[in-house]
Amino acid sequence: SVSIVKLRLEQPFGDAAASLAANSDTTTISIEDPGDTPKHQPGPPGGSGREEDDELLGNDDSDKTELLAGQKKSSPFWTFEYYQTFFDVDTYQVFDRIKGSLLPVPGKNFVRLYVRSNPDLYGPFWICATLVFAIAISGNLSNFLIHLGEKTYHYVPEFRKVSIAATVVYAYAWLVPLALWGFLMWRNSKVMNIVSYSFLEIVCVYGYSLFIYIPTAILWIIPQKAVRWILVMIALGVSGSVLSMTFWPAVREDNRRIALATIVTIVLLHMLLSVGCLAYFFDAPEMDHLPTPTAAPNQTVAAAKLS
């Protein structure tokens, strides 16, 4: 039989404990405070790796939320509002993404931490534009400082460097992400576990990874080849790390050879851009400014007689 123990409010806690101990068949009912929150229950073993992957690349819930958010604000591509969404970013976000591109942290994904919430084209566009003028102006100043003091040298601004730098930088910042996006989409159809980035996210990553070349291009004015090559290696290491740590999680579930070949190709193309800009705009000899050879006096007289 179940006995009911009635405890008065005036009864001491010691007597209440004694009464409960004396009646072993007593049924106690505990009423919890609604304000109390249950403690965290331990998850199943082996789930930490999956949670880490979700934190790195985003889970399905976050992807669905972002997809629905994108559908709500989508507009026809021929309207101004459609392109306005790509530049809807504040100064704090731009500075935070620039800081993230300059200080890559191992194990941290640039897209997940900085870009996925609101990918933009504002930062990449102006970073590329600033880099173009930095390369062109620094190249002209470097050439001027190298030939400064030569009697036969006459400085002529080379505006063609601006157009060449713009073609190279913007082609790299758009065509390489386009090719990489197509490759990831193709591999995603072959291997279902591959997480693919959107084209806008890839362009955003490449654009912000080029920021470190702006101060590097300005320092390339120093007329010392050793200093220039040290600077380009530092810039290549930082920006290459951002690209590698961003795209490795997207291809690591693929075939090992294909994944490694993808990362190596990304780094080699990035190296080709940096080394090519240094070699062409700064280390190449300026043939336009070499002194023109003058004809010998006897050759001039012979030419006059023949005429």
C-alpha atoms as a PDB file:
ATOM      1  CA  SER A   1       0.000   0.000   0.000  1.00  0.00           C
ATOM      2  CA  VAL A   2       1.097   3.510  -0.715  1.00  0.00           C
ATOM      3  CA  SER A   3       1.032   5.848   2.238  1.00  0.00           C
ATOM      4  CA  ILE A   4       0.824   9.584   1.874  1.00  0.00           C
ATOM      5  CA  VAL A   5       3.038  11.719   3.987  1.00  0.00           C
ATOM      6  CA  LYS A   6       1.747  15.204   4.678  1.00  0.00           C
ATOM      7  CA  LEU A   7       4.411  17.693   5.512  1.00  0.00           C
ATOM      8  CA  ARG A   8       3.483  20.933   7.112  1.00  0.00           C
ATOM      9  CA  LEU A   9       5.342  24.103   6.212  1.00  0.00           C
ATOM     10  CA  GLU A  10       6.233  24.585   9.883  1.00  0.00           C
ATOM     11  CA  GLN A  11       7.801  21.139  10.141  1.00  0.00           C
ATOM     12  CA  PRO A  12      11.619  21.219  10.197  1.00  0.00           C
ATOM     13  CA  PHE A  13      13.513  19.698   7.335  1.00  0.00           C
ATOM     14  CA  GLY A  14      15.135  17.182   9.655  1.00  0.00           C
ATOM     15  CA  ASP A  15      11.737  15.773  10.749  1.00  0.00           C
ATOM     16  CA  ALA A  16      10.625  15.607   7.132  1.00  0.00           C
ATOM     17  CA  ALA A  17      13.713  13.601   6.197  1.00  0.00           C
ATOM     18  CA  ALA A  18      13.143  11.277   9.155  1.00  0.00           C
ATOM     19  CA  SER A  19       9.515  10.713   8.175  1.00  0.00           C
ATOM     20  CA  LEU A  20      10.511   9.828   4.621  1.00  0.00           C
ATOM     21  CA  ALA A  21      13.172   7.427   5.875  1.00  0.00           C
ATOM     22  CA  ALA A  22      10.690   5.710   8.210  1.00  0.00           C
ATOM     23  CA  ASN A  23       8.138   5.153   5.457  1.00  0.00           C
ATOM     24  CA  SER A  24      10.081   3.297   2.770  1.00  0.00           C
ATOM     25  CA  ASP A  25       6.989   2.766   0.635  1.00  0.00           C
ATOM     26  CA  THR A  26       6.315   6.461   0.377  1.00  0.00           C
ATOM     27  CA  THR A  27       5.951   7.829  -3.113  1.00  0.00           C
ATOM     28  CA  THR A  28       7.536  11.232  -3.550  1.00  0.00           C
ATOM     29  CA  ILE A  29       6.647  13.682  -6.241  1.00  0.00           C
ATOM     30  CA  SER A  30       9.219  16.298  -7.224  1.00  0.00           C
ATOM     31  CA  ILE A  31       7.986  19.493  -8.789  1.00  0.00           C
ATOM     32  CA  GLU A  32      10.717  21.346 -10.662  1.00  0.00           C
ATOM     33  CA  ASP A  33      10.860  25.059 -11.063  1.00  0.00           C
ATOM     34  CA  PRO A  34       9.784  26.055 -14.593  1.00  0.00           C
ATOM     35  CA  GLY A  35      12.688  28.478 -14.700  1.00  0.00           C
ATOM     36  CA  ASP A  36      15.260  25.697 -14.319  1.00  0.00           C
ATOM     37  CA  THR A  37      16.832  24.606 -17.576  1.00  0.00           C
ATOM     38  CA  PRO A  38      17.984  21.033 -18.101  1.00  0.00           C
ATOM     39  CA  LYS A  39      21.662  20.400 -18.331  1.00  0.00           C
ATOM     40  CA  HIS A  40      23.286  19.616 -21.633  1.00  0.00           C
ATOM     41  CA  GLN A  41      23.044  15.946 -22.447  1.00  0.00           C
ATOM     42  CA  PRO A  42      26.171  14.359 -23.890  1.00  0.00           C
ATOM     43  CA  GLY A  43      25.873  13.514 -27.550  1.00  0.00           C
ATOM     44  CA  PRO A  44      26.643  10.215 -29.135  1.00  0.00           C
ATOM     45  CA  PRO A  45      30.294   9.273 -29.450  1.00  0.00           C
ATOM     46  CA  GLY A  46      31.962  10.055 -32.740  1.00  0.00           C
ATOM     47  CA  GLY A  47      29.735  13.039 -33.489  1.00  0.00           C
ATOM     48  CA  SER A  48      32.370  15.686 -32.813  1.00  0.00           C
ATOM     49  CA  GLY A  49      33.915  15.304 -36.247  1.00  0.00           C
ATOM     50  CA  ARG A  50      30.587  15.840 -37.981  1.00  0.00           C
ATOM     51  CA  GLU A  51      29.844  18.870 -35.820  1.00  0.00           C
ATOM     52  CA  GLU A  52      33.251  20.254 -36.699  1.00  0.00           C
ATOM     53  CA  ASP A  53      32.514  19.809 -40.398  1.00  0.00           C
ATOM     54  CA  ASP A  54      29.143  21.521 -39.965  1.00  0.00           C
ATOM     55  CA  GLU A  55      30.831  24.411 -38.211  1.00  0.00           C
ATOM     56  CA  LEU A  56      33.394  24.646 -40.977  1.00  0.00           C
ATOM     57  CA  LEU A  57      31.168  24.342 -44.019  1.00  0.00           C
ATOM     58  CA  GLY A  58      27.697  24.984 -42.650  1.00  0.00           C
ATOM     59  CA  ASN A  59      24.899  22.498 -42.006  1.00  0.00           C
ATOM     60  CA  ASP A  60      21.734  21.932 -43.976  1.00  0.00           C
ATOM     61  CA  ASP A  61      19.663  24.222 -41.752  1.00  0.00           C
ATOM     62  CA  SER A  62      21.958  27.185 -42.329  1.00  0.00           C
ATOM     63  CA  ASP A  63      22.027  26.489 -46.059  1.00  0.00           C
ATOM     64  CA  LYS A  64      18.230  26.359 -46.195  1.00  0.00           C
ATOM     65  CA  THR A  65      17.966  29.583 -44.239  1.00  0.00           C
ATOM     66  CA  GLU A  66      20.398  31.346 -46.534  1.00  0.00           C
ATOM     67  CA  LEU A  67      18.609  29.951 -49.595  1.00  0.00           C
ATOM     68  CA  LEU A  68      15.266  31.215 -48.383  1.00  0.00           C
ATOM     69  CA  ALA A  69      16.810  34.590 -47.547  1.00  0.00           C
ATOM     70  CA  GLY A  70      18.269  34.786 -51.031  1.00  0.00           C
ATOM     71  CA  GLN A  71      14.922  33.918 -52.590  1.00  0.00           C
ATOM     72  CA  LYS A  72      13.179  36.664 -50.686  1.00  0.00           C
ATOM     73  CA  LYS A  73      15.442  39.427 -51.917  1.00  0.00           C
ATOM     74  CA  SER A  74      16.039  38.121 -55.440  1.00  0.00           C
ATOM     75  CA  SER A  75      15.096  40.368 -58.351  1.00  0.00           C
ATOM     76  CA  PRO A  76      15.291  40.059 -62.141  1.00  0.00           C
ATOM     77  CA  PHE A  77      18.864  40.338 -63.389  1.00  0.00           C
ATOM     78  CA  TRP A  78      18.053  43.286 -65.654  1.00  0.00           C
ATOM     79  CA  THR A  79      16.999  45.475 -62.724  1.00  0.00           C
ATOM     80  CA  PHE A  80      19.223  47.710 -60.646  1.00  0.00           C
ATOM     81  CA  GLU A  81      18.023  46.055 -57.430  1.00  0.00           C
ATOM     82  CA  TYR A  82      19.483  42.726 -58.543  1.00  0.00           C
ATOM     83  CA  TYR A  83      23.037  44.130 -58.691  1.00  0.00           C
ATOM     84  CA  GLN A  84      22.518  46.359 -55.685  1.00  0.00           C
ATOM     85  CA  THR A  85      22.355  43.301 -53.417  1.00  0.00           C
ATOM     86  CA  PHE A  86      25.943  42.398 -54.389  1.00  0.00           C
ATOM     87  CA  PHE A  87      27.191  45.715 -52.971  1.00  0.00           C
ATOM     88  CA  ASP A  88      25.016  45.704 -49.848  1.00  0.00           C
ATOM     89  CA  VAL A  89      27.840  45.570 -47.295  1.00  0.00           C
ATOM     90  CA  ASP A  90      29.002  47.925 -44.562  1.00  0.00           C
ATOM     91  CA  THR A  91      32.481  49.174 -43.762  1.00  0.00           C
ATOM     92  CA  TYR A  92      32.862  46.928 -40.726  1.00  0.00           C
ATOM     93  CA  GLN A  93      32.270  43.796 -42.791  1.00  0.00           C
ATOM     94  CA  VAL A  94      34.774  44.878 -45.437  1.00  0.00           C
ATOM     95  CA  PHE A  95      37.474  45.623 -42.846  1.00  0.00           C
ATOM     96  CA  ASP A  96      36.752  42.361 -41.045  1.00  0.00           C
ATOM     97  CA  ARG A  97      37.153  40.388 -44.267  1.00  0.00           C
ATOM     98  CA  ILE A  98      40.352  42.226 -45.133  1.00  0.00           C
ATOM     99  CA  LYS A  99      41.712  41.393 -41.683  1.00  0.00           C
ATOM    100  CA  GLY A 100      40.740  37.767 -42.182  1.00  0.00           C
ATOM    101  CA  SER A 101      42.587  37.652 -45.516  1.00  0.00           C
ATOM    102  CA  LEU A 102      45.732  39.096 -43.919  1.00  0.00           C
ATOM    103  CA  LEU A 103      45.680  36.844 -40.832  1.00  0.00           C
ATOM    104  CA  PRO A 104      44.651  33.345 -41.924  1.00  0.00           C
ATOM    105  CA  VAL A 105      44.072  30.956 -39.033  1.00  0.00           C
ATOM    106  CA  PRO A 106      44.712  27.229 -39.602  1.00  0.00           C
ATOM    107  CA  GLY A 107      41.511  25.223 -39.464  1.00  0.00           C
ATOM    108  CA  LYS A 108      39.282  28.262 -40.037  1.00  0.00           C
ATOM    109  CA  ASN A 109      37.286  28.594 -43.240  1.00  0.00           C
ATOM    110  CA  PHE A 110      37.203  32.092 -44.763  1.00  0.00           C
ATOM    111  CA  VAL A 111      33.850  31.534 -46.464  1.00  0.00           C
ATOM    112  CA  ARG A 112      32.174  30.221 -43.334  1.00  0.00           C
ATOM    113  CA  LEU A 113      33.552  32.898 -41.008  1.00  0.00           C
ATOM    114  CA  TYR A 114      33.321  36.025 -43.156  1.00  0.00           C
ATOM    115  CA  VAL A 115      31.573  35.536 -46.500  1.00  0.00           C
ATOM    116  CA  ARG A 116      28.656  33.111 -46.333  1.00  0.00           C
ATOM    117  CA  SER A 117      26.362  35.388 -44.344  1.00  0.00           C
ATOM    118  CA  ASN A 118      26.579  38.135 -46.986  1.00  0.00           C
ATOM    119  CA  PRO A 119      28.918  37.664 -49.982  1.00  0.00           C
ATOM    120  CA  ASP A 120      29.679  40.930 -51.737  1.00  0.00           C
ATOM    121  CA  LEU A 121      31.382  42.334 -54.814  1.00  0.00           C
ATOM    122  CA  TYR A 122      32.111  45.753 -53.345  1.00  0.00           C
ATOM    123  CA  GLY A 123      35.321  44.717 -51.620  1.00  0.00           C
ATOM    124  CA  PRO A 124      36.714  42.569 -54.472  1.00  0.00           C
ATOM    125  CA  PHE A 125      35.946  45.248 -57.086  1.00  0.00           C
ATOM    126  CA  TRP A 126      37.732  48.062 -55.266  1.00  0.00           C
ATOM    127  CA  ILE A 127      40.579  45.833 -54.132  1.00  0.00           C
ATOM    128  CA  CYS A 128      41.241  44.864 -57.746  1.00  0.00           C
ATOM    129  CA  ALA A 129      40.957  48.497 -58.884  1.00  0.00           C
ATOM    130  CA  THR A 130      43.364  49.671 -56.186  1.00  0.00           C
ATOM    131  CA  LEU A 131      45.777  46.861 -57.033  1.00  0.00           C
ATOM    132  CA  VAL A 132      45.748  47.814 -60.711  1.00  0.00           C
ATOM    133  CA  PHE A 133      46.756  51.419 -60.016  1.00  0.00           C
ATOM    134  CA  ALA A 134      49.247  50.339 -57.339  1.00  0.00           C
ATOM    135  CA  ILE A 135      51.032  48.047 -59.806  1.00  0.00           C
ATOM    136  CA  ALA A 136      50.989  50.575 -62.658  1.00  0.00           C
ATOM    137  CA  ILE A 137      52.099  53.577 -60.600  1.00  0.00           C
ATOM    138  CA  SER A 138      54.699  51.621 -58.639  1.00  0.00           C
ATOM    139  CA  GLY A 139      56.067  50.178 -61.874  1.00  0.00           C
ATOM    140  CA  ASN A 140      56.519  53.650 -63.351  1.00  0.00           C
ATOM    141  CA  LEU A 141      58.122  55.003 -60.171  1.00  0.00           C
ATOM    142  CA  SER A 142      60.423  52.017 -59.926  1.00  0.00           C
ATOM    143  CA  ASN A 143      61.596  52.549 -63.499  1.00  0.00           C
ATOM    144  CA  PHE A 144      62.134  56.250 -62.810  1.00  0.00           C
ATOM    145  CA  LEU A 145      64.206  55.592 -59.676  1.00  0.00           C
ATOM    146  CA  ILE A 146      66.363  52.981 -61.396  1.00  0.00           C
ATOM    147  CA  HIS A 147      67.308  55.314 -64.289  1.00  0.00           C
ATOM    148  CA  LEU A 148      67.473  58.460 -62.186  1.00  0.00           C
ATOM    149  CA  GLY A 149      70.722  60.324 -62.814  1.00  0.00           C
ATOM    150  CA  GLU A 150      71.377  58.930 -66.291  1.00  0.00           C
ATOM    151  CA  LYS A 151      72.005  61.686 -68.826  1.00  0.00           C
ATOM    152  CA  THR A 152      70.512  59.767 -71.723  1.00  0.00           C
ATOM    153  CA  TYR A 153      67.345  58.894 -69.826  1.00  0.00           C
ATOM    154  CA  HIS A 154      64.127  60.793 -70.426  1.00  0.00           C
ATOM    155  CA  TYR A 155      61.127  59.784 -68.309  1.00  0.00           C
ATOM    156  CA  VAL A 156      57.913  59.083 -70.207  1.00  0.00           C
ATOM    157  CA  PRO A 157      54.846  57.870 -68.279  1.00  0.00           C
ATOM    158  CA  GLU A 158      53.702  54.462 -69.483  1.00  0.00           C
ATOM    159  CA  PHE A 159      49.936  54.535 -69.319  1.00  0.00           C
ATOM    160  CA  ARG A 160      49.736  51.205 -71.113  1.00  0.00           C
ATOM    161  CA  LYS A 161      50.752  49.558 -67.842  1.00  0.00           C
ATOM    162  CA  VAL A 162      47.387  50.554 -66.379  1.00  0.00           C
ATOM    163  CA  SER A 163      45.436  48.780 -69.115  1.00  0.00           C
ATOM    164  CA  ILE A 164      47.681  45.714 -68.997  1.00  0.00           C
ATOM    165  CA  ALA A 165      47.459  45.469 -65.216  1.00  0.00           C
ATOM    166  CA  ALA A 166      43.671  45.896 -65.320  1.00  0.00           C
ATOM    167  CA  THR A 167      43.313  43.145 -67.908  1.00  0.00           C
ATOM    168  CA  VAL A 168      45.502  40.721 -65.962  1.00  0.00           C
ATOM    169  CA  VAL A 169      44.043  41.381 -62.491  1.00  0.00           C
ATOM    170  CA  TYR A 170      40.358  41.426 -63.449  1.00  0.00           C
ATOM    171  CA  ALA A 171      40.733  38.418 -65.750  1.00  0.00           C
ATOM    172  CA  TYR A 172      42.333  36.489 -62.920  1.00  0.00           C
ATOM    173  CA  ALA A 173      39.753  37.631 -60.349  1.00  0.00           C
ATOM    174  CA  TRP A 174      36.823  36.541 -62.555  1.00  0.00           C
ATOM    175  CA  LEU A 175      37.914  33.779 -64.942  1.00  0.00           C
ATOM    176  CA  VAL A 176      39.766  31.638 -62.406  1.00  0.00           C
ATOM    177  CA  PRO A 177      36.819  31.651 -59.935  1.00  0.00           C
ATOM    178  CA  LEU A 178      34.485  30.843 -62.830  1.00  0.00           C
ATOM    179  CA  ALA A 179      36.593  27.839 -63.828  1.00  0.00           C
ATOM    180  CA  LEU A 180      36.907  26.693 -60.217  1.00  0.00           C
ATOM    181  CA  TRP A 181      33.169  27.035 -59.635  1.00  0.00           C
ATOM    182  CA  GLY A 182      32.436  24.957 -62.731  1.00  0.00           C
ATOM    183  CA  PHE A 183      34.926  22.315 -61.632  1.00  0.00           C
ATOM    184  CA  LEU A 184      33.403  22.072 -58.138  1.00  0.00           C
ATOM    185  CA  MET A 185      29.921  21.790 -59.607  1.00  0.00           C
ATOM    186  CA  TRP A 186      31.099  18.992 -61.894  1.00  0.00           C
ATOM    187  CA  ARG A 187      32.794  17.110 -59.055  1.00  0.00           C
ATOM    188  CA  ASN A 188      29.714  17.633 -56.901  1.00  0.00           C
ATOM    189  CA  SER A 189      27.693  15.699 -59.473  1.00  0.00           C
ATOM    190  CA  LYS A 190      30.234  12.871 -59.304  1.00  0.00           C
ATOM    191  CA  VAL A 191      30.840  12.792 -55.546  1.00  0.00           C
ATOM    192  CA  MET A 192      27.811  13.632 -53.430  1.00  0.00           C
ATOM    193  CA  ASN A 193      29.792  14.470 -50.269  1.00  0.00           C
ATOM    194  CA  ILE A 194      31.549  17.446 -51.862  1.00  0.00           C
ATOM    195  CA  VAL A 195      30.368  20.815 -50.563  1.00  0.00           C
ATOM    196  CA  SER A 196      30.281  23.324 -53.391  1.00  0.00           C
ATOM    197  CA  TYR A 197      30.587  27.077 -53.023  1.00  0.00           C
ATOM    198  CA  SER A 198      28.567  29.547 -55.027  1.00  0.00           C
ATOM    199  CA  PHE A 199      30.226  31.581 -57.756  1.00  0.00           C
ATOM    200  CA  LEU A 200      29.768  34.789 -55.773  1.00  0.00           C
ATOM    201  CA  GLU A 201      31.473  33.278 -52.716  1.00  0.00           C
ATOM    202  CA  ILE A 202      34.470  32.139 -54.787  1.00  0.00           C
ATOM    203  CA  VAL A 203      34.827  35.581 -56.396  1.00  0.00           C
ATOM    204  CA  CYS A 204      34.638  37.152 -52.953  1.00  0.00           C
ATOM    205  CA  VAL A 205      37.400  34.896 -51.606  1.00  0.00           C
ATOM    206  CA  TYR A 206      39.698  35.588 -54.556  1.00  0.00           C
ATOM    207  CA  GLY A 207      39.065  39.320 -54.396  1.00  0.00           C
ATOM    208  CA  TYR A 208      39.905  39.669 -50.719  1.00  0.00           C
ATOM    209  CA  SER A 209      42.922  37.371 -51.043  1.00  0.00           C
ATOM    210  CA  LEU A 210      44.474  39.927 -53.423  1.00  0.00           C
ATOM    211  CA  PHE A 211      44.474  42.717 -50.835  1.00  0.00           C
ATOM    212  CA  ILE A 212      47.922  41.846 -49.495  1.00  0.00           C
ATOM    213  CA  TYR A 213      49.413  42.579 -52.927  1.00  0.00           C
ATOM    214  CA  ILE A 214      48.483  46.258 -52.640  1.00  0.00           C
ATOM    215  CA  PRO A 215      51.097  47.116 -49.956  1.00  0.00           C
ATOM    216  CA  THR A 216      53.426  44.594 -51.586  1.00  0.00           C
ATOM    217  CA  ALA A 217      53.210  46.392 -54.940  1.00  0.00           C
ATOM    218  CA  ILE A 218      53.939  49.714 -53.236  1.00  0.00           C
ATOM    219  CA  LEU A 219      57.018  48.232 -51.557  1.00  0.00           C
ATOM    220  CA  TRP A 220      58.176  46.889 -54.919  1.00  0.00           C
ATOM    221  CA  ILE A 221      59.382  50.433 -55.610  1.00  0.00           C
ATOM    222  CA  ILE A 222      62.493  49.513 -53.600  1.00  0.00           C
ATOM    223  CA  PRO A 223      65.171  49.001 -56.287  1.00  0.00           C
ATOM    224  CA  GLN A 224      66.509  45.759 -54.803  1.00  0.00           C
ATOM    225  CA  LYS A 225      65.578  42.497 -56.499  1.00  0.00           C
ATOM    226  CA  ALA A 226      66.226  40.435 -53.386  1.00  0.00           C
ATOM    227  CA  VAL A 227      63.839  42.577 -51.326  1.00  0.00           C
ATOM    228  CA  ARG A 228      61.194  42.357 -54.043  1.00  0.00           C
ATOM    229  CA  TRP A 229      61.338  38.585 -54.221  1.00  0.00           C
ATOM    230  CA  ILE A 230      61.164  38.277 -50.437  1.00  0.00           C
ATOM    231  CA  LEU A 231      58.074  40.485 -50.426  1.00  0.00           C
ATOM    232  CA  VAL A 232      56.374  38.496 -53.172  1.00  0.00           C
ATOM    233  CA  MET A 233      57.050  35.222 -51.343  1.00  0.00           C
ATOM    234  CA  ILE A 234      55.516  36.600 -48.134  1.00  0.00           C
ATOM    235  CA  ALA A 235      52.442  37.850 -49.993  1.00  0.00           C
ATOM    236  CA  LEU A 236      52.142  34.580 -51.875  1.00  0.00           C
ATOM    237  CA  GLY A 237      52.365  32.583 -48.657  1.00  0.00           C
ATOM    238  CA  VAL A 238      49.631  34.587 -46.915  1.00  0.00           C
ATOM    239  CA  SER A 239      47.177  34.772 -49.810  1.00  0.00           C
ATOM    240  CA  GLY A 240      47.899  31.212 -50.902  1.00  0.00           C
ATOM    241  CA  SER A 241      47.139  29.998 -47.375  1.00  0.00           C
ATOM    242  CA  VAL A 242      43.750  31.724 -47.467  1.00  0.00           C
ATOM    243  CA  LEU A 243      42.859  30.016 -50.747  1.00  0.00           C
ATOM    244  CA  SER A 244      44.169  26.619 -49.698  1.00  0.00           C
ATOM    245  CA  MET A 245      42.413  26.556 -46.322  1.00  0.00           C
ATOM    246  CA  THR A 246      39.192  27.763 -47.942  1.00  0.00           C
ATOM    247  CA  PHE A 247      38.945  25.263 -50.791  1.00  0.00           C
ATOM    248  CA  TRP A 248      40.545  22.217 -49.182  1.00  0.00           C
ATOM    249  CA  PRO A 249      37.404  21.369 -47.115  1.00  0.00           C
ATOM    250  CA  ALA A 250      35.393  21.468 -50.354  1.00  0.00           C
ATOM    251  CA  VAL A 251      37.539  18.873 -52.145  1.00  0.00           C
ATOM    252  CA  ARG A 252      38.975  16.700 -49.373  1.00  0.00           C
ATOM    253  CA  GLU A 253      36.138  14.148 -49.696  1.00  0.00           C
ATOM    254  CA  ASP A 254      37.012  13.678 -53.359  1.00  0.00           C
ATOM    255  CA  ASN A 255      39.686  11.388 -54.734  1.00  0.00           C
ATOM    256  CA  ARG A 256      42.988  12.146 -53.016  1.00  0.00           C
ATOM    257  CA  ARG A 257      44.858  12.813 -56.243  1.00  0.00           C
ATOM    258  CA  ILE A 258      42.138  15.056 -57.620  1.00  0.00           C
ATOM    259  CA  ALA A 259      41.921  16.992 -54.351  1.00  0.00           C
ATOM    260  CA  LEU A 260      45.680  17.573 -54.185  1.00  0.00           C
ATOM    261  CA  ALA A 261      45.839  18.479 -57.890  1.00  0.00           C
ATOM    262  CA  THR A 262      43.067  21.040 -57.369  1.00  0.00           C
ATOM    263  CA  ILE A 263      44.848  22.770 -54.490  1.00  0.00           C
ATOM    264  CA  VAL A 264      48.194  22.701 -56.316  1.00  0.00           C
ATOM    265  CA  THR A 265      46.580  24.244 -59.413  1.00  0.00           C
ATOM    266  CA  ILE A 266      45.009  27.009 -57.321  1.00  0.00           C
ATOM    267  CA  VAL A 267      48.362  27.847 -55.716  1.00  0.00           C
ATOM    268  CA  LEU A 268      50.270  27.673 -59.030  1.00  0.00           C
ATOM    269  CA  LEU A 269      47.855  30.064 -60.758  1.00  0.00           C
ATOM    270  CA  HIS A 270      48.164  32.429 -57.814  1.00  0.00           C
ATOM    271  CA  MET A 271      51.939  32.188 -58.000  1.00  0.00           C
ATOM    272  CA  LEU A 272      51.847  32.850 -61.752  1.00  0.00           C
ATOM    273  CA  LEU A 273      49.923  36.079 -61.165  1.00  0.00           C
ATOM    274  CA  SER A 274      52.272  37.437 -58.491  1.00  0.00           C
ATOM    275  CA  VAL A 275      55.528  36.397 -60.142  1.00  0.00           C
ATOM    276  CA  GLY A 276      54.305  37.537 -63.567  1.00  0.00           C
ATOM    277  CA  CYS A 277      53.384  41.004 -62.284  1.00  0.00           C
ATOM    278  CA  LEU A 278      56.742  41.377 -60.571  1.00  0.00           C
ATOM    279  CA  ALA A 279      58.705  40.183 -63.589  1.00  0.00           C
ATOM    280  CA  TYR A 280      56.823  42.237 -66.178  1.00  0.00           C
ATOM    281  CA  PHE A 281      56.115  45.534 -64.399  1.00  0.00           C
ATOM    282  CA  PHE A 282      59.257  45.810 -62.277  1.00  0.00           C
ATOM    283  CA  ASP A 283      62.110  43.526 -63.359  1.00  0.00           C
ATOM    284  CA  ALA A 284      61.694  43.683 -67.148  1.00  0.00           C
ATOM    285  CA  PRO A 285      64.163  45.975 -68.985  1.00  0.00           C
ATOM    286  CA  GLU A 286      62.593  49.093 -70.414  1.00  0.00           C
ATOM    287  CA  MET A 287      63.438  49.048 -74.100  1.00  0.00           C
ATOM    288  CA  ASP A 288      61.610  52.300 -74.816  1.00  0.00           C
ATOM    289  CA  HIS A 289      64.032  54.301 -72.710  1.00  0.00           C
ATOM    290  CA  LEU A 290      67.288  52.912 -74.005  1.00  0.00           C
ATOM    291  CA  PRO A 291      69.420  55.514 -75.833  1.00  0.00           C
ATOM    292  CA  THR A 292      68.981  55.340 -79.599  1.00  0.00           C
ATOM    293  CA  PRO A 293      72.229  54.625 -81.423  1.00  0.00           C
ATOM    294  CA  THR A 294      73.533  57.427 -83.634  1.00  0.00           C
ATOM    295  CA  ALA A 295      75.012  56.817 -87.058  1.00  0.00           C
ATOM    296  CA  ALA A 296      78.750  57.195 -87.559  1.00  0.00           C
ATOM    297  CA  PRO A 297      79.984  60.344 -89.429  1.00  0.00           C
ATOM    298  CA  ASN A 298      81.373  58.420 -92.389  1.00  0.00           C
ATOM    299  CA  GLN A 299      78.127  56.504 -92.763  1.00  0.00           C
ATOM    300  CA  THR A 300      76.197  59.778 -92.782  1.00  0.00           C
ATOM    301  CA  VAL A 301      78.422  61.247 -95.507  1.00  0.00           C
ATOM    302  CA  ALA A 302      78.133  58.081 -97.613  1.00  0.00           C
ATOM    303  CA  ALA A 303      74.396  58.127 -97.327  1.00  0.00           C
ATOM    304  CA  ALA A 304      74.333  61.797 -98.406  1.00  0.00           C
ATOM    305  CA  LYS A 305      76.428  61.083-101.522  1.00  0.00           C
ATOM    306  CA  LEU A 306      74.181  58.199-102.563  1.00  0.00           C
ATOM    307  CA  SER A 307      71.140  60.419-102.327  1.00  0.00           C
END
